[in-house]
Amino acid sequence: YMVKFLKKITFAMVLFGMAVCAAPKDAKADVGIIKMAGYTDNSITVEWQPQNNPNYKVNNYSIKDQETGQVLWTGDADTVKAMIQKPKGYIGVWELLSNRTYTTGYGVTLDAHVDFIYVNTTPADMTKKQFGIANLYPKKKQIMFDINAPEGQSGVQFEVYNAKKKRIVSKDSGNLAGEMMKYAKDSAYRYRARCYYYNDTMRQNYYGNWSANRYFAVPSVKVKKSTAKKGINVTLKKGAGISKYTVYVSKKYNRGYKKAKTVKVAKKKTYSLSLKKYGKKKIKKGTYFVKVVPTIKDGNKTYQSETSAIEVVCVR
């Protein structure tokens, strides 16, 4: 809708004979007559320069939403600041008007255009559907993320931290769909995202709230030759930031997994398991799939990894 608003802005400038000035070099220091002085999840504060002119007297100021035409606020001539309630994720164009009584022209009183401004509250929150892990490439040790800014927002900031709490990825873009990252096996990672809105008037990004942290780790799983009598032999490695592994078994690759064993990670570097049952079923001759899901510790809390490792084994 920006094209529509720009047409309105041009029309208003012609109507009131306003001169168009070049934007100052330091746009944040002086963005014009009206500027954003603050924003929250549910409000926007704007302030402006008082209008002093020998040709007219200001009676009051008003702010109008250009999309709806609604007058949002009216204040007296001494007021140069206003806070207006709007929901999180709101973006709009407001017009500052002043009601003037002109000292020339037979005392005509009218609402005159003062300035336009793009405004926003805190950008919308990212949801799980808007960002996450899209694919895993174990042979290349790469992971793909799919991250998209919600409608109306300018872009997304995305971060990934390793088990040592070091930030290893920091991206800022309007579209991060298909973002790739190299990972190390047996190491925990956490990632998060937040929206931002680029304000054309203020010429800067306004950032929303960070999403909750999400976690992943890809374990090293070795499955040795196994027999129905001895069970499925599995070896796991100690992982950085990983507190335990949960091992599942199924006869199908993509469904039917039952828990076989849980392993708490302590000081040992490797953990050897012999799986003779999964759920209530016994391991018999045939082909099985072994899935290992890490549990990641962050502070005093634990989180299940969004990724896992699957190995196939033939039991004789």
Protein backbone atom coordinates (compact mmCIF):
# COMPACT_ATOMS: atom_id res chain seq x y z
CA TYR A 1 0.00 0.00 0.00
CA MET A 2 3.06 2.30 0.05
CA VAL A 3 2.36 3.48 -3.52
CA LYS A 4 -1.07 4.69 -2.45
CA PHE A 5 0.40 6.58 0.51
CA LEU A 6 3.16 8.13 -1.58
CA LYS A 7 0.53 9.47 -3.99
CA LYS A 8 -1.31 11.03 -1.05
CA ILE A 9 1.90 12.54 0.25
CA THR A 10 2.68 14.11 -3.16
CA PHE A 11 -0.85 15.49 -3.45
CA ALA A 12 -0.70 17.02 0.05
CA MET A 13 2.64 18.67 -0.68
CA VAL A 14 1.28 20.27 -3.87
CA LEU A 15 -1.91 21.38 -2.13
CA PHE A 16 -0.15 23.29 0.63
CA GLY A 17 2.79 24.48 -1.45
CA MET A 18 5.40 22.78 0.69
CA ALA A 19 9.05 22.75 -0.38
CA VAL A 20 10.72 19.33 -0.57
CA CYS A 21 14.12 19.39 1.15
CA ALA A 22 16.96 16.92 0.86
CA ALA A 23 17.20 14.46 3.78
CA PRO A 24 19.97 15.33 6.25
CA LYS A 25 23.08 13.14 6.31
CA ASP A 26 22.46 12.09 9.91
CA ALA A 27 18.89 10.90 9.52
CA LYS A 28 18.64 9.56 13.09
CA ALA A 29 19.62 12.93 14.55
CA ASP A 30 17.07 14.93 12.53
CA VAL A 31 14.42 13.05 10.59
CA GLY A 32 12.18 16.02 9.86
CA ILE A 33 9.33 17.73 11.66
CA ILE A 34 7.71 14.64 13.21
CA LYS A 35 9.67 11.59 14.42
CA MET A 36 9.20 8.36 16.38
CA ALA A 37 10.31 8.88 19.97
CA GLY A 38 9.56 5.34 21.18
CA TYR A 39 7.65 2.11 20.60
CA THR A 40 6.44 -0.85 22.67
CA ASP A 41 4.40 -4.00 22.08
CA ASN A 42 1.19 -1.97 22.14
CA SER A 43 2.00 1.73 21.67
CA ILE A 44 3.83 4.29 19.53
CA THR A 45 5.15 7.62 20.78
CA VAL A 46 5.77 10.44 18.29
CA GLU A 47 7.00 13.98 18.82
CA TRP A 48 7.34 17.03 16.60
CA GLN A 49 8.67 20.56 16.39
CA PRO A 50 6.24 23.36 17.39
CA GLN A 51 4.90 25.38 14.47
CA ASN A 52 5.67 29.11 14.85
CA ASN A 53 4.69 31.37 11.98
CA PRO A 54 3.67 35.06 11.93
CA ASN A 55 1.05 34.31 9.25
CA TYR A 56 -1.06 31.97 11.39
CA LYS A 57 -1.89 30.85 14.93
CA VAL A 58 -1.96 27.12 15.79
CA ASN A 59 -5.12 26.16 17.69
CA ASN A 60 -4.38 22.43 18.09
CA TYR A 61 -2.67 19.40 16.53
CA SER A 62 -4.15 16.10 15.32
CA ILE A 63 -2.77 12.81 13.99
CA LYS A 64 -4.61 10.87 11.29
CA ASP A 65 -4.07 7.28 10.12
CA GLN A 66 -3.63 7.49 6.35
CA GLU A 67 -4.79 3.92 5.73
CA THR A 68 -8.12 4.24 7.53
CA GLY A 69 -8.59 8.03 7.55
CA GLN A 70 -9.26 7.80 11.30
CA VAL A 71 -8.18 10.69 13.53
CA LEU A 72 -6.15 8.94 16.23
CA TRP A 73 -5.31 11.82 18.52
CA THR A 74 -6.00 15.53 19.08
CA GLY A 75 -4.09 17.85 21.42
CA ASP A 76 -3.73 21.58 22.12
CA ALA A 77 -1.22 23.95 20.53
CA ASP A 78 1.32 23.53 23.33
CA THR A 79 1.51 19.72 22.92
CA VAL A 80 4.41 18.38 20.85
CA LYS A 81 4.27 14.70 21.86
CA ALA A 82 1.65 11.95 21.67
CA MET A 83 1.41 8.27 22.59
CA ILE A 84 -1.12 6.19 20.65
CA GLN A 85 -2.19 2.61 21.42
CA LYS A 86 -1.77 0.07 18.61
CA PRO A 87 -1.34 -3.75 18.66
CA LYS A 88 2.00 -5.54 18.27
CA GLY A 89 3.09 -5.82 14.64
CA TYR A 90 1.24 -2.66 13.57
CA ILE A 91 2.74 -0.68 10.67
CA GLY A 92 1.21 2.49 9.30
CA VAL A 93 1.60 5.99 7.90
CA TRP A 94 0.37 8.87 10.02
CA GLU A 95 -0.23 12.49 9.04
CA LEU A 96 0.35 15.34 11.46
CA LEU A 97 -2.17 18.16 11.02
CA SER A 98 -2.42 21.53 12.69
CA ASN A 99 -5.65 23.50 13.02
CA ARG A 100 -4.63 27.03 12.09
CA THR A 101 -6.26 30.44 12.12
CA TYR A 102 -4.54 32.57 9.51
CA THR A 103 -3.85 36.25 10.37
CA THR A 104 -4.18 37.11 6.67
CA GLY A 105 -6.98 36.04 4.36
CA TYR A 106 -9.89 37.23 6.54
CA GLY A 107 -9.09 34.97 9.52
CA VAL A 108 -9.64 31.65 7.73
CA THR A 109 -9.38 28.57 10.01
CA LEU A 110 -8.54 25.15 8.58
CA ASP A 111 -6.65 21.90 9.20
CA ALA A 112 -3.31 22.10 7.42
CA HIS A 113 -0.87 19.31 6.59
CA VAL A 114 2.36 19.45 8.61
CA ASP A 115 4.22 16.17 7.96
CA PHE A 116 3.90 12.43 7.29
CA ILE A 117 5.66 9.65 9.21
CA TYR A 118 5.98 5.88 8.93
CA VAL A 119 5.39 4.26 12.34
CA ASN A 120 5.45 0.82 13.92
CA THR A 121 4.94 -0.94 17.22
CA THR A 122 7.18 -3.87 18.21
CA PRO A 123 7.37 -6.22 15.19
CA ALA A 124 5.35 -9.44 15.32
CA ASP A 125 6.70 -12.52 17.11
CA MET A 126 8.17 -15.41 15.11
CA THR A 127 6.20 -18.64 15.38
CA LYS A 128 7.49 -22.22 14.99
CA LYS A 129 5.78 -22.44 11.60
CA GLN A 130 7.79 -19.46 10.31
CA PHE A 131 11.26 -20.83 11.03
CA GLY A 132 12.91 -24.15 11.74
CA ILE A 133 15.04 -26.99 10.40
CA ALA A 134 14.12 -27.93 6.84
CA ASN A 135 16.58 -30.74 6.11
CA LEU A 136 19.66 -32.60 7.32
CA TYR A 137 22.55 -33.81 5.17
CA PRO A 138 24.59 -36.24 7.35
CA LYS A 139 27.18 -37.12 4.70
CA LYS A 140 28.08 -33.45 4.18
CA LYS A 141 27.49 -32.59 7.87
CA GLN A 142 25.21 -29.76 6.82
CA ILE A 143 21.84 -28.60 8.10
CA MET A 144 19.30 -26.45 6.24
CA PHE A 145 17.02 -23.90 7.90
CA ASP A 146 13.85 -22.43 6.43
CA ILE A 147 13.24 -18.92 7.79
CA ASN A 148 10.66 -16.47 6.45
CA ALA A 149 9.57 -13.06 7.70
CA PRO A 150 5.84 -12.83 8.53
CA GLU A 151 3.71 -10.74 6.19
CA GLY A 152 4.23 -7.01 6.68
CA GLN A 153 7.63 -7.33 8.37
CA SER A 154 10.81 -6.30 6.58
CA GLY A 155 12.98 -9.26 7.54
CA VAL A 156 14.35 -11.68 10.11
CA GLN A 157 17.47 -11.79 12.28
CA PHE A 158 18.71 -15.34 12.87
CA GLU A 159 21.35 -16.68 15.26
CA VAL A 160 22.94 -20.05 16.08
CA TYR A 161 25.08 -20.79 19.18
CA ASN A 162 27.27 -23.83 19.83
CA ALA A 163 27.63 -25.83 23.07
CA LYS A 164 30.27 -23.35 24.33
CA LYS A 165 27.67 -20.54 23.99
CA LYS A 166 29.62 -18.98 21.15
CA ARG A 167 27.57 -17.39 18.38
CA ILE A 168 28.58 -19.07 15.12
CA VAL A 169 25.83 -17.78 12.80
CA SER A 170 24.31 -14.31 12.64
CA LYS A 171 22.21 -13.42 9.59
CA ASP A 172 19.93 -10.47 8.91
CA SER A 173 17.77 -10.68 5.79
CA GLY A 174 14.31 -10.39 4.32
CA ASN A 175 14.37 -14.06 3.35
CA LEU A 176 16.60 -16.80 4.77
CA ALA A 177 14.81 -19.78 3.19
CA GLY A 178 17.35 -22.51 2.47
CA GLU A 179 20.01 -21.13 4.83
CA MET A 180 22.79 -23.74 5.20
CA MET A 181 25.19 -24.38 8.09
CA LYS A 182 28.02 -26.83 8.76
CA TYR A 183 27.65 -28.74 12.04
CA ALA A 184 29.88 -30.98 14.15
CA LYS A 185 28.56 -34.38 15.22
CA ASP A 186 28.01 -35.02 18.95
CA SER A 187 27.67 -31.30 19.68
CA ALA A 188 24.60 -29.41 20.84
CA TYR A 189 23.38 -26.20 19.17
CA ARG A 190 20.67 -23.69 19.92
CA TYR A 191 19.08 -21.25 17.50
CA ARG A 192 16.55 -18.41 17.58
CA ALA A 193 15.00 -15.72 15.38
CA ARG A 194 13.21 -12.39 15.57
CA CYS A 195 11.46 -10.06 13.14
CA TYR A 196 12.41 -6.52 12.32
CA TYR A 197 10.74 -3.63 10.54
CA TYR A 198 12.70 -1.05 8.53
CA ASN A 199 11.17 2.36 9.15
CA ASP A 200 11.45 4.53 6.03
CA THR A 201 11.13 7.78 7.96
CA MET A 202 13.59 6.97 10.73
CA ARG A 203 15.86 5.04 8.32
CA GLN A 204 16.63 2.27 10.79
CA ASN A 205 15.53 -1.24 11.78
CA TYR A 206 13.19 -1.76 14.73
CA TYR A 207 13.55 -5.26 16.21
CA GLY A 208 10.95 -7.49 17.80
CA ASN A 209 11.28 -10.01 20.62
CA TRP A 210 13.55 -13.04 20.26
CA SER A 211 11.81 -16.36 19.87
CA ALA A 212 12.36 -19.07 22.46
CA ASN A 213 15.59 -21.02 21.90
CA ARG A 214 15.32 -24.19 19.84
CA TYR A 215 17.86 -27.04 19.98
CA PHE A 216 19.46 -29.69 17.82
CA ALA A 217 22.35 -32.17 17.85
CA VAL A 218 23.35 -34.98 15.50
CA PRO A 219 24.90 -37.98 17.33
CA SER A 220 27.49 -40.45 16.05
CA VAL A 221 25.84 -43.88 16.02
CA LYS A 222 27.72 -47.08 15.23
CA VAL A 223 25.82 -50.36 14.89
CA LYS A 224 27.89 -53.57 14.91
CA LYS A 225 26.96 -56.98 13.54
CA SER A 226 24.14 -58.26 15.68
CA THR A 227 22.33 -61.52 16.42
CA ALA A 228 18.89 -62.26 17.80
CA LYS A 229 20.52 -63.93 20.82
CA LYS A 230 22.88 -61.07 21.75
CA GLY A 231 20.69 -58.22 20.53
CA ILE A 232 21.55 -55.09 18.54
CA ASN A 233 24.98 -53.70 19.48
CA VAL A 234 25.13 -49.90 19.44
CA THR A 235 27.99 -47.53 20.32
CA LEU A 236 27.47 -43.85 21.14
CA LYS A 237 29.92 -41.04 21.89
CA LYS A 238 29.91 -38.47 24.66
CA GLY A 239 28.48 -35.22 23.26
CA ALA A 240 29.20 -31.59 24.15
CA GLY A 241 26.11 -30.12 25.80
CA ILE A 242 24.25 -33.47 25.59
CA SER A 243 22.89 -34.91 28.85
CA LYS A 244 21.38 -38.18 27.57
CA TYR A 245 20.46 -40.25 24.54
CA THR A 246 17.15 -42.00 24.00
CA VAL A 247 17.39 -45.01 21.67
CA TYR A 248 14.40 -46.20 19.64
CA VAL A 249 13.99 -49.21 17.34
CA SER A 250 11.55 -49.95 14.52
CA LYS A 251 11.07 -52.33 11.61
CA LYS A 252 10.17 -49.32 9.40
CA TYR A 253 12.35 -46.30 8.62
CA ASN A 254 9.71 -43.60 9.05
CA ARG A 255 7.29 -44.97 11.66
CA GLY A 256 6.66 -47.45 14.46
CA TYR A 257 9.60 -46.54 16.72
CA LYS A 258 9.52 -47.87 20.30
CA LYS A 259 11.87 -46.94 23.09
CA ALA A 260 14.66 -49.46 23.66
CA LYS A 261 17.00 -47.73 26.12
CA THR A 262 18.02 -44.40 27.68
CA VAL A 263 21.67 -43.54 28.27
CA LYS A 264 22.79 -40.79 30.64
CA VAL A 265 25.94 -39.06 29.45
CA ALA A 266 28.62 -38.72 32.15
CA LYS A 267 32.45 -38.86 32.04
CA LYS A 268 32.87 -41.86 29.73
CA LYS A 269 33.84 -41.05 26.15
CA THR A 270 31.88 -43.93 24.60
CA TYR A 271 28.78 -45.93 25.59
CA SER A 272 28.12 -49.49 24.37
CA LEU A 273 24.58 -50.86 24.40
CA SER A 274 22.99 -54.23 23.73
CA LEU A 275 19.35 -53.85 22.69
CA LYS A 276 17.26 -57.00 23.15
CA LYS A 277 13.82 -55.37 23.29
CA TYR A 278 12.07 -52.30 21.93
CA GLY A 279 8.86 -51.45 23.71
CA LYS A 280 7.40 -54.86 24.57
CA LYS A 281 8.76 -56.56 21.47
CA LYS A 282 11.84 -58.78 21.36
CA ILE A 283 14.61 -58.35 18.82
CA LYS A 284 14.42 -61.21 16.30
CA LYS A 285 16.06 -61.93 12.99
CA GLY A 286 15.45 -59.30 10.35
CA THR A 287 16.17 -55.68 9.39
CA TYR A 288 15.81 -52.96 12.03
CA PHE A 289 16.25 -49.20 12.17
CA VAL A 290 17.90 -47.66 15.24
CA LYS A 291 17.09 -43.99 15.97
CA VAL A 292 19.01 -42.00 18.58
CA VAL A 293 17.54 -38.73 19.91
CA PRO A 294 19.79 -36.49 22.06
CA THR A 295 18.59 -34.51 25.08
CA ILE A 296 20.38 -31.16 25.37
CA LYS A 297 21.14 -29.37 28.62
CA ASP A 298 21.07 -25.57 28.69
CA GLY A 299 21.52 -24.11 32.16
CA ASN A 300 19.27 -26.00 34.57
CA LYS A 301 16.83 -27.14 31.88
CA THR A 302 16.87 -29.90 29.28
CA TYR A 303 15.42 -29.95 25.78
CA GLN A 304 14.85 -32.70 23.23
CA SER A 305 16.83 -32.26 20.03
CA GLU A 306 14.87 -31.49 16.88
CA THR A 307 17.23 -33.77 14.97
CA SER A 308 18.29 -37.39 15.42
CA ALA A 309 20.43 -40.08 13.76
CA ILE A 310 19.10 -43.29 12.21
CA GLU A 311 21.14 -46.39 11.35
CA VAL A 312 19.99 -49.63 9.74
CA VAL A 313 21.11 -53.07 11.00
CA CYS A 314 20.52 -56.63 9.84
CA VAL A 315 20.02 -59.04 12.77
CA ARG A 316 21.00 -62.63 12.01
